[in-house]
Amino acid sequence: MPLHEIHQGVHKNKRPMRTGRGLGSGKGKTAGKGHKGQRARAGWNELPIFQGGSMPLVRRVPKRGFTNSLALRVAEINVGDLEDLFDVGATITPETLREAGILKKAFDVLKVLGDGELTKKLSVSAHRFSASAQQKITAAGGNATVLAGRMPVEDKKQAKKGPKAVE
């Protein structure tokens, strides 16, 4: 097939069929809707889950689980990533990680995890540290500062009860 024949007969801006404009138009009288019935009526539309009147699958399948809207969104970063991304003596905070484009999604709490090796002395500030991450940061000569974040439920309960009285 020659190249000049490829798009022959293809109309990019084809005009739509004007339905209900007389018998001579080819789509007159019932305007392509057949005779009577629910679908022939004006204003009728079908739900995407409609299955011919039988109980739709989305209503037959039971609902499961829930979404916890109160859950904390925790962003994680490994000490091995800090080793690659920052120079010796750098101060790392959630704000510096966000400015550097490392943490892009919204989060409530930043947690530093202990995967990888750390040889540089870094000053890391985060809301949470795993035990291995804290140990690796201090072993490299850096310091791990815990930032105040949203209080865990156990701590809230303990604060509500007050200090334990010794008898």
C-alpha atoms as a PDB file:
ATOM      1  CA  MET A   1       0.000   0.000   0.000  1.00  0.00           C
ATOM      2  CA  PRO A   2       1.470   3.360  -0.983  1.00  0.00           C
ATOM      3  CA  LEU A   3       1.904   5.948   1.795  1.00  0.00           C
ATOM      4  CA  HIS A   4      -0.544   8.412   0.208  1.00  0.00           C
ATOM      5  CA  GLU A   5      -3.345   5.819   0.529  1.00  0.00           C
ATOM      6  CA  ILE A   6      -2.912   5.023   4.239  1.00  0.00           C
ATOM      7  CA  HIS A   7      -5.296   7.676   5.543  1.00  0.00           C
ATOM      8  CA  GLN A   8      -7.686   7.678   2.605  1.00  0.00           C
ATOM      9  CA  GLY A   9     -11.290   7.506   3.786  1.00  0.00           C
ATOM     10  CA  VAL A  10     -10.366   8.421   7.373  1.00  0.00           C
ATOM     11  CA  HIS A  11     -12.134  11.552   8.557  1.00  0.00           C
ATOM     12  CA  LYS A  12     -10.623  13.154  11.650  1.00  0.00           C
ATOM     13  CA  ASN A  13     -13.488  15.557  12.279  1.00  0.00           C
ATOM     14  CA  LYS A  14     -16.498  13.498  11.272  1.00  0.00           C
ATOM     15  CA  ARG A  15     -19.807  15.228  12.028  1.00  0.00           C
ATOM     16  CA  PRO A  16     -22.057  13.344  14.470  1.00  0.00           C
ATOM     17  CA  MET A  17     -25.247  11.650  13.245  1.00  0.00           C
ATOM     18  CA  ARG A  18     -28.242  13.938  13.869  1.00  0.00           C
ATOM     19  CA  THR A  19     -30.847  11.589  15.295  1.00  0.00           C
ATOM     20  CA  GLY A  20     -34.603  12.185  15.268  1.00  0.00           C
ATOM     21  CA  ARG A  21     -34.619  14.522  12.250  1.00  0.00           C
ATOM     22  CA  GLY A  22     -37.145  12.757  10.003  1.00  0.00           C
ATOM     23  CA  LEU A  23     -37.446   9.409   8.248  1.00  0.00           C
ATOM     24  CA  GLY A  24     -35.184  10.386   5.361  1.00  0.00           C
ATOM     25  CA  SER A  25     -32.188  10.924   7.642  1.00  0.00           C
ATOM     26  CA  GLY A  26     -31.778   7.228   8.427  1.00  0.00           C
ATOM     27  CA  LYS A  27     -32.098   7.851  12.173  1.00  0.00           C
ATOM     28  CA  GLY A  28     -35.580   9.360  12.347  1.00  0.00           C
ATOM     29  CA  LYS A  29     -38.761   8.270  14.159  1.00  0.00           C
ATOM     30  CA  THR A  30     -37.389   6.310  17.161  1.00  0.00           C
ATOM     31  CA  ALA A  31     -33.890   7.896  16.783  1.00  0.00           C
ATOM     32  CA  GLY A  32     -32.072   4.588  17.234  1.00  0.00           C
ATOM     33  CA  LYS A  33     -33.756   3.811  20.573  1.00  0.00           C
ATOM     34  CA  GLY A  34     -36.042   0.995  19.358  1.00  0.00           C
ATOM     35  CA  HIS A  35     -39.689   0.823  20.447  1.00  0.00           C
ATOM     36  CA  LYS A  36     -40.896   1.840  23.903  1.00  0.00           C
ATOM     37  CA  GLY A  37     -39.241   0.383  26.993  1.00  0.00           C
ATOM     38  CA  GLN A  38     -37.166   1.895  29.764  1.00  0.00           C
ATOM     39  CA  ARG A  39     -34.186   2.752  27.567  1.00  0.00           C
ATOM     40  CA  ALA A  40     -36.340   4.580  25.001  1.00  0.00           C
ATOM     41  CA  ARG A  41     -37.421   7.184  27.544  1.00  0.00           C
ATOM     42  CA  ALA A  42     -35.902  10.628  27.923  1.00  0.00           C
ATOM     43  CA  GLY A  43     -33.571  11.183  30.837  1.00  0.00           C
ATOM     44  CA  TRP A  44     -32.830   7.489  31.383  1.00  0.00           C
ATOM     45  CA  ASN A  45     -29.263   6.531  32.245  1.00  0.00           C
ATOM     46  CA  GLU A  46     -27.657   3.313  33.386  1.00  0.00           C
ATOM     47  CA  LEU A  47     -25.421   2.925  36.419  1.00  0.00           C
ATOM     48  CA  PRO A  48     -21.988   1.472  35.608  1.00  0.00           C
ATOM     49  CA  ILE A  49     -22.805  -1.486  37.895  1.00  0.00           C
ATOM     50  CA  PHE A  50     -26.154  -2.263  36.189  1.00  0.00           C
ATOM     51  CA  GLN A  51     -26.388  -5.967  35.246  1.00  0.00           C
ATOM     52  CA  GLY A  52     -29.756  -6.351  33.590  1.00  0.00           C
ATOM     53  CA  GLY A  53     -31.804  -6.123  36.770  1.00  0.00           C
ATOM     54  CA  SER A  54     -30.028  -8.926  38.665  1.00  0.00           C
ATOM     55  CA  MET A  55     -28.147  -8.114  41.888  1.00  0.00           C
ATOM     56  CA  PRO A  56     -24.841  -6.531  40.787  1.00  0.00           C
ATOM     57  CA  LEU A  57     -21.562  -8.212  41.666  1.00  0.00           C
ATOM     58  CA  VAL A  58     -20.393  -5.189  43.676  1.00  0.00           C
ATOM     59  CA  ARG A  59     -23.431  -5.629  45.963  1.00  0.00           C
ATOM     60  CA  ARG A  60     -23.132  -9.433  46.186  1.00  0.00           C
ATOM     61  CA  VAL A  61     -19.504  -9.380  47.358  1.00  0.00           C
ATOM     62  CA  PRO A  62     -19.220  -8.590  51.090  1.00  0.00           C
ATOM     63  CA  LYS A  63     -17.426  -5.484  52.313  1.00  0.00           C
ATOM     64  CA  ARG A  64     -14.107  -6.095  54.056  1.00  0.00           C
ATOM     65  CA  GLY A  65     -11.741  -4.017  56.140  1.00  0.00           C
ATOM     66  CA  PHE A  66     -11.685  -0.297  56.814  1.00  0.00           C
ATOM     67  CA  THR A  67      -9.482   2.755  56.355  1.00  0.00           C
ATOM     68  CA  ASN A  68      -7.967   4.129  59.539  1.00  0.00           C
ATOM     69  CA  SER A  69      -8.138   7.882  59.014  1.00  0.00           C
ATOM     70  CA  LEU A  70      -6.417   8.521  62.360  1.00  0.00           C
ATOM     71  CA  ALA A  71      -3.295   6.475  61.555  1.00  0.00           C
ATOM     72  CA  LEU A  72       0.051   8.251  61.419  1.00  0.00           C
ATOM     73  CA  ARG A  73       1.705   8.489  58.013  1.00  0.00           C
ATOM     74  CA  VAL A  74       5.293   7.409  58.697  1.00  0.00           C
ATOM     75  CA  ALA A  75       8.085   8.246  56.253  1.00  0.00           C
ATOM     76  CA  GLU A  76      11.128   5.967  56.504  1.00  0.00           C
ATOM     77  CA  ILE A  77      14.758   6.442  55.517  1.00  0.00           C
ATOM     78  CA  ASN A  78      17.689   4.091  56.068  1.00  0.00           C
ATOM     79  CA  VAL A  79      21.084   5.069  57.468  1.00  0.00           C
ATOM     80  CA  GLY A  80      22.647   3.612  54.316  1.00  0.00           C
ATOM     81  CA  ASP A  81      20.770   6.224  52.255  1.00  0.00           C
ATOM     82  CA  LEU A  82      22.014   9.011  54.559  1.00  0.00           C
ATOM     83  CA  GLU A  83      25.569   7.754  53.958  1.00  0.00           C
ATOM     84  CA  ASP A  84      25.161   8.153  50.181  1.00  0.00           C
ATOM     85  CA  LEU A  85      23.287  11.461  50.157  1.00  0.00           C
ATOM     86  CA  PHE A  86      25.030  13.654  52.748  1.00  0.00           C
ATOM     87  CA  ASP A  87      28.580  14.825  53.489  1.00  0.00           C
ATOM     88  CA  VAL A  88      30.482  14.497  56.779  1.00  0.00           C
ATOM     89  CA  GLY A  89      29.136  16.773  59.527  1.00  0.00           C
ATOM     90  CA  ALA A  90      25.796  17.439  57.820  1.00  0.00           C
ATOM     91  CA  THR A  91      22.734  18.214  59.910  1.00  0.00           C
ATOM     92  CA  ILE A  92      19.770  16.158  58.724  1.00  0.00           C
ATOM     93  CA  THR A  93      16.187  17.128  59.599  1.00  0.00           C
ATOM     94  CA  PRO A  94      12.837  16.319  57.979  1.00  0.00           C
ATOM     95  CA  GLU A  95      12.948  19.782  56.361  1.00  0.00           C
ATOM     96  CA  THR A  96      16.389  19.208  54.762  1.00  0.00           C
ATOM     97  CA  LEU A  97      15.242  15.820  53.429  1.00  0.00           C
ATOM     98  CA  ARG A  98      12.144  17.448  51.930  1.00  0.00           C
ATOM     99  CA  GLU A  99      14.180  20.297  50.362  1.00  0.00           C
ATOM    100  CA  ALA A 100      16.623  17.769  48.877  1.00  0.00           C
ATOM    101  CA  GLY A 101      13.670  15.998  47.201  1.00  0.00           C
ATOM    102  CA  ILE A 102      14.212  12.728  49.072  1.00  0.00           C
ATOM    103  CA  LEU A 103      10.881  12.788  50.919  1.00  0.00           C
ATOM    104  CA  LYS A 104       8.200  13.892  48.467  1.00  0.00           C
ATOM    105  CA  LYS A 105       4.942  12.583  49.950  1.00  0.00           C
ATOM    106  CA  ALA A 106       3.153  14.100  52.940  1.00  0.00           C
ATOM    107  CA  PHE A 107       3.962  12.485  56.300  1.00  0.00           C
ATOM    108  CA  ASP A 108       3.341  13.005  60.009  1.00  0.00           C
ATOM    109  CA  VAL A 109       6.410  11.279  61.429  1.00  0.00           C
ATOM    110  CA  LEU A 110       9.922  10.527  60.115  1.00  0.00           C
ATOM    111  CA  LYS A 111      11.565   7.273  61.207  1.00  0.00           C
ATOM    112  CA  VAL A 112      15.218   6.411  60.602  1.00  0.00           C
ATOM    113  CA  LEU A 113      15.841   2.691  60.045  1.00  0.00           C
ATOM    114  CA  GLY A 114      19.117   0.796  60.446  1.00  0.00           C
ATOM    115  CA  ASP A 115      19.546  -0.815  57.006  1.00  0.00           C
ATOM    116  CA  GLY A 116      22.991  -0.201  55.491  1.00  0.00           C
ATOM    117  CA  GLU A 117      26.308   0.996  56.874  1.00  0.00           C
ATOM    118  CA  LEU A 118      27.157   4.452  58.231  1.00  0.00           C
ATOM    119  CA  THR A 119      30.757   5.702  58.423  1.00  0.00           C
ATOM    120  CA  LYS A 120      30.193   9.483  58.334  1.00  0.00           C
ATOM    121  CA  LYS A 121      29.608  11.651  61.398  1.00  0.00           C
ATOM    122  CA  LEU A 122      26.090  13.012  60.937  1.00  0.00           C
ATOM    123  CA  SER A 123      23.695  14.928  63.149  1.00  0.00           C
ATOM    124  CA  VAL A 124      20.283  13.362  62.516  1.00  0.00           C
ATOM    125  CA  SER A 125      16.979  14.736  63.849  1.00  0.00           C
ATOM    126  CA  ALA A 126      13.848  12.601  63.424  1.00  0.00           C
ATOM    127  CA  HIS A 127      10.685  11.673  65.284  1.00  0.00           C
ATOM    128  CA  ARG A 128      11.672   8.015  65.679  1.00  0.00           C
ATOM    129  CA  PHE A 129      14.787   5.847  65.411  1.00  0.00           C
ATOM    130  CA  SER A 130      15.085   2.099  65.292  1.00  0.00           C
ATOM    131  CA  ALA A 131      17.499   0.691  67.897  1.00  0.00           C
ATOM    132  CA  SER A 132      20.004  -0.374  65.212  1.00  0.00           C
ATOM    133  CA  ALA A 133      19.846   3.032  63.491  1.00  0.00           C
ATOM    134  CA  GLN A 134      20.504   4.897  66.731  1.00  0.00           C
ATOM    135  CA  GLN A 135      23.408   2.556  67.534  1.00  0.00           C
ATOM    136  CA  LYS A 136      24.964   3.007  64.062  1.00  0.00           C
ATOM    137  CA  ILE A 137      24.680   6.812  64.171  1.00  0.00           C
ATOM    138  CA  THR A 138      26.320   7.066  67.609  1.00  0.00           C
ATOM    139  CA  ALA A 139      28.999   4.492  66.646  1.00  0.00           C
ATOM    140  CA  ALA A 140      29.969   6.690  63.662  1.00  0.00           C
ATOM    141  CA  GLY A 141      30.414   9.671  66.021  1.00  0.00           C
ATOM    142  CA  GLY A 142      27.179  11.435  65.160  1.00  0.00           C
ATOM    143  CA  ASN A 143      24.165  12.179  67.303  1.00  0.00           C
ATOM    144  CA  ALA A 144      20.505  11.196  66.989  1.00  0.00           C
ATOM    145  CA  THR A 145      17.994  13.786  68.218  1.00  0.00           C
ATOM    146  CA  VAL A 146      14.383  12.729  68.798  1.00  0.00           C
ATOM    147  CA  LEU A 147      11.925  15.396  67.664  1.00  0.00           C
ATOM    148  CA  ALA A 148       8.585  15.926  69.372  1.00  0.00           C
ATOM    149  CA  GLY A 149       5.826  14.484  67.227  1.00  0.00           C
ATOM    150  CA  ARG A 150       2.334  13.201  67.727  1.00  0.00           C
ATOM    151  CA  MET A 151       2.193  11.275  70.989  1.00  0.00           C
ATOM    152  CA  PRO A 152       1.591   7.499  70.750  1.00  0.00           C
ATOM    153  CA  VAL A 153      -1.659   6.214  72.280  1.00  0.00           C
ATOM    154  CA  GLU A 154       0.138   4.314  75.087  1.00  0.00           C
ATOM    155  CA  ASP A 155       1.918   7.502  76.200  1.00  0.00           C
ATOM    156  CA  LYS A 156      -1.357   9.450  76.125  1.00  0.00           C
ATOM    157  CA  LYS A 157      -3.012   6.847  78.350  1.00  0.00           C
ATOM    158  CA  GLN A 158      -0.075   6.938  80.752  1.00  0.00           C
ATOM    159  CA  ALA A 159      -0.133  10.760  80.871  1.00  0.00           C
ATOM    160  CA  LYS A 160      -3.878  10.714  81.575  1.00  0.00           C
ATOM    161  CA  LYS A 161      -3.436   8.336  84.539  1.00  0.00           C
ATOM    162  CA  GLY A 162      -0.679  10.477  85.996  1.00  0.00           C
ATOM    163  CA  PRO A 163       2.489   9.318  87.744  1.00  0.00           C
ATOM    164  CA  LYS A 164       2.269   6.089  89.686  1.00  0.00           C
ATOM    165  CA  ALA A 165       2.239   6.541  93.455  1.00  0.00           C
ATOM    166  CA  VAL A 166       4.759   4.449  95.381  1.00  0.00           C
ATOM    167  CA  GLU A 167       3.321   3.000  98.614  1.00  0.00           C
END
